[in-house]
Amino acid sequence: MTDDTNTPPTSEEVSSVDTPRRARVEDVVEETAAEKLERKKDYLDGFLKEKPADIAGNEPGGDLYESVIAALKEIFDPEIPVNIYDLGLIYGVEIDDNSRAVVTMTLTTPHCPVAESMPGEVELRVGAVPGVGDAEVNLVWDPPWDPQKMSDEAKLELGML
């Protein structure tokens, strides 16, 4: 078959179209509860057996990475009753193949009262996560923090949603 893009498609003009047959209750195939359950199992079978692709522990979704995030969520800003992760103070978490964690973070303002102690606490908490060999914290001011960086949970907690 040749494909000629310059040839217009052919069409057929019709005067009427038969109305499709409506489904009737008597057309339904009876099935027992056990058959219905078996059909549902077949439907879910492939989905339930499928395993997620292998994720390295130091990648987002990996065990080590998620453990570091959990540790960060245990650190709360002393002035705001929200953890620093949901507050949007954590800009990045990188874990290399040698289990060295580097956390890039900011503070709500350079004049924050915990500007001297918060990075040290983050370094201690991340370094204490099982599997992390070494932890480093990079405190940055660019881009500056703003309330839009907060998670929806944090905004809800603070009455901003």
Protein backbone atom coordinates (compact mmCIF):
# COMPACT_ATOMS: atom_id res chain seq x y z
CA MET A 1 0.00 0.00 0.00
CA THR A 2 1.39 3.40 -0.88
CA ASP A 3 0.93 6.43 1.27
CA ASP A 4 0.25 9.48 -0.84
CA THR A 5 -0.08 12.51 1.43
CA ASN A 6 -1.50 14.66 -1.39
CA THR A 7 -4.58 12.46 -1.87
CA PRO A 8 -7.54 13.64 0.20
CA PRO A 9 -9.27 11.00 2.31
CA THR A 10 -12.36 9.47 0.82
CA SER A 11 -15.69 9.96 2.50
CA GLU A 12 -19.11 8.42 2.17
CA GLU A 13 -22.31 10.33 2.65
CA VAL A 14 -25.08 8.52 4.52
CA SER A 15 -28.66 9.48 5.08
CA SER A 16 -29.16 7.73 8.42
CA VAL A 17 -27.42 5.54 10.98
CA ASP A 18 -29.01 2.64 12.82
CA THR A 19 -29.52 3.28 16.52
CA PRO A 20 -27.19 1.03 18.52
CA ARG A 21 -28.79 -1.74 20.53
CA ARG A 22 -29.26 -0.88 24.22
CA ALA A 23 -27.91 -3.16 26.90
CA ARG A 24 -30.53 -5.19 28.65
CA VAL A 25 -30.52 -6.70 32.14
CA GLU A 26 -31.14 -10.15 30.67
CA ASP A 27 -27.90 -9.77 28.65
CA VAL A 28 -25.81 -9.73 31.83
CA VAL A 29 -23.74 -12.86 32.39
CA GLU A 30 -24.35 -14.24 35.84
CA GLU A 31 -21.24 -14.87 37.89
CA THR A 32 -20.86 -16.09 41.41
CA ALA A 33 -19.18 -14.08 44.12
CA ALA A 34 -16.15 -16.38 43.91
CA GLU A 35 -15.86 -15.79 40.13
CA LYS A 36 -16.15 -12.05 40.63
CA LEU A 37 -13.45 -12.14 43.30
CA GLU A 38 -11.20 -14.22 41.04
CA ARG A 39 -11.68 -11.68 38.23
CA LYS A 40 -10.65 -8.86 40.56
CA LYS A 41 -7.57 -10.81 41.64
CA ASP A 42 -6.60 -11.33 38.00
CA TYR A 43 -6.98 -7.62 37.39
CA LEU A 44 -4.69 -6.71 40.28
CA ASP A 45 -2.29 -9.60 39.82
CA GLY A 46 0.21 -7.85 37.56
CA PHE A 47 0.00 -4.62 39.50
CA LEU A 48 0.66 -6.27 42.84
CA LYS A 49 3.58 -8.33 41.55
CA GLU A 50 5.32 -5.36 39.96
CA LYS A 51 8.22 -4.13 42.05
CA PRO A 52 9.63 -0.60 41.82
CA ALA A 53 12.87 -0.13 39.96
CA ASP A 54 15.95 -0.55 42.12
CA ILE A 55 16.78 2.72 43.83
CA ALA A 56 20.17 3.25 45.37
CA GLY A 57 20.00 4.12 49.07
CA ASN A 58 21.59 7.51 48.48
CA GLU A 59 19.07 8.62 45.84
CA PRO A 60 15.69 10.24 46.52
CA GLY A 61 13.36 7.41 47.49
CA GLY A 62 16.24 5.28 48.75
CA ASP A 63 16.43 4.15 52.36
CA LEU A 64 19.45 6.24 53.37
CA TYR A 65 18.15 9.37 51.66
CA GLU A 66 14.73 9.01 53.27
CA SER A 67 16.36 8.45 56.66
CA VAL A 68 18.25 11.74 56.28
CA ILE A 69 15.01 13.53 55.36
CA ALA A 70 13.31 11.99 58.41
CA ALA A 71 16.14 13.29 60.61
CA LEU A 72 15.75 16.77 59.12
CA LYS A 73 12.03 16.67 59.85
CA GLU A 74 12.84 16.21 63.55
CA ILE A 75 14.58 19.60 63.75
CA PHE A 76 12.20 22.45 64.50
CA ASP A 77 12.67 26.17 64.10
CA PRO A 78 12.57 27.58 67.65
CA GLU A 79 10.33 30.52 66.68
CA ILE A 80 7.98 28.71 64.28
CA PRO A 81 6.36 25.39 65.28
CA VAL A 82 7.29 23.70 61.99
CA ASN A 83 10.24 21.46 61.13
CA ILE A 84 12.99 22.96 58.97
CA TYR A 85 12.32 20.61 56.05
CA ASP A 86 8.64 21.54 55.70
CA LEU A 87 9.52 25.15 56.39
CA GLY A 88 11.52 25.07 53.15
CA LEU A 89 14.90 25.79 54.72
CA ILE A 90 16.50 22.71 53.15
CA TYR A 91 17.46 23.45 49.55
CA GLY A 92 19.16 20.16 48.82
CA VAL A 93 20.40 16.84 50.16
CA GLU A 94 23.10 14.95 48.32
CA ILE A 95 24.62 11.67 49.43
CA ASP A 96 27.60 10.34 47.50
CA ASP A 97 28.63 6.70 47.06
CA ASN A 98 30.90 6.97 50.13
CA SER A 99 27.86 7.81 52.32
CA ARG A 100 28.93 11.43 52.69
CA ALA A 101 25.87 13.66 53.09
CA VAL A 102 25.91 17.30 52.01
CA VAL A 103 22.93 19.42 53.07
CA THR A 104 22.40 22.83 51.49
CA MET A 105 20.18 25.01 53.61
CA THR A 106 19.24 28.56 54.46
CA LEU A 107 17.54 30.33 57.33
CA THR A 108 14.47 32.54 57.32
CA THR A 109 16.72 35.59 57.70
CA PRO A 110 20.46 36.23 58.11
CA HIS A 111 19.66 37.78 61.49
CA CYS A 112 17.93 34.61 62.72
CA PRO A 113 18.79 33.95 66.38
CA VAL A 114 19.81 30.36 65.58
CA ALA A 115 22.10 31.32 62.68
CA GLU A 116 25.12 30.07 64.60
CA SER A 117 23.63 26.92 66.12
CA MET A 118 21.18 25.57 63.51
CA PRO A 119 23.76 24.45 60.89
CA GLY A 120 25.68 22.62 63.63
CA GLU A 121 22.53 20.86 64.82
CA VAL A 122 21.69 19.82 61.26
CA GLU A 123 25.22 18.46 60.81
CA LEU A 124 25.02 16.48 64.07
CA ARG A 125 21.55 15.04 63.34
CA VAL A 126 22.36 14.05 59.75
CA GLY A 127 25.73 12.63 60.81
CA ALA A 128 23.95 10.47 63.40
CA VAL A 129 21.74 8.77 60.79
CA PRO A 130 22.79 5.10 60.51
CA GLY A 131 24.64 4.66 57.23
CA VAL A 132 25.86 8.25 56.93
CA GLY A 133 29.63 8.34 57.21
CA ASP A 134 30.16 12.10 57.22
CA ALA A 135 27.87 15.12 57.11
CA GLU A 136 28.48 18.63 55.86
CA VAL A 137 26.14 21.63 55.91
CA ASN A 138 26.37 24.48 53.45
CA LEU A 139 24.52 27.58 54.64
CA VAL A 140 23.49 29.76 51.70
CA TRP A 141 21.57 33.01 51.39
CA ASP A 142 20.88 32.91 47.68
CA PRO A 143 18.13 32.35 46.77
CA PRO A 144 16.66 33.98 49.85
CA TRP A 145 14.02 32.08 51.76
CA ASP A 146 10.40 33.12 51.35
CA PRO A 147 7.12 31.64 52.62
CA GLN A 148 6.38 30.12 49.19
CA LYS A 149 9.10 27.53 49.88
CA MET A 150 7.04 26.01 52.71
CA SER A 151 5.19 22.74 52.20
CA ASP A 152 1.40 22.77 52.20
CA GLU A 153 1.49 21.01 55.57
CA ALA A 154 3.56 23.84 57.05
CA LYS A 155 1.28 26.49 55.56
CA LEU A 156 -1.74 24.70 57.00
CA GLU A 157 -0.08 24.45 60.42
CA LEU A 158 0.58 28.19 60.38
CA GLY A 159 -2.89 29.10 59.13
CA MET A 160 -1.69 30.26 55.72
CA LEU A 161 -3.97 27.92 53.74
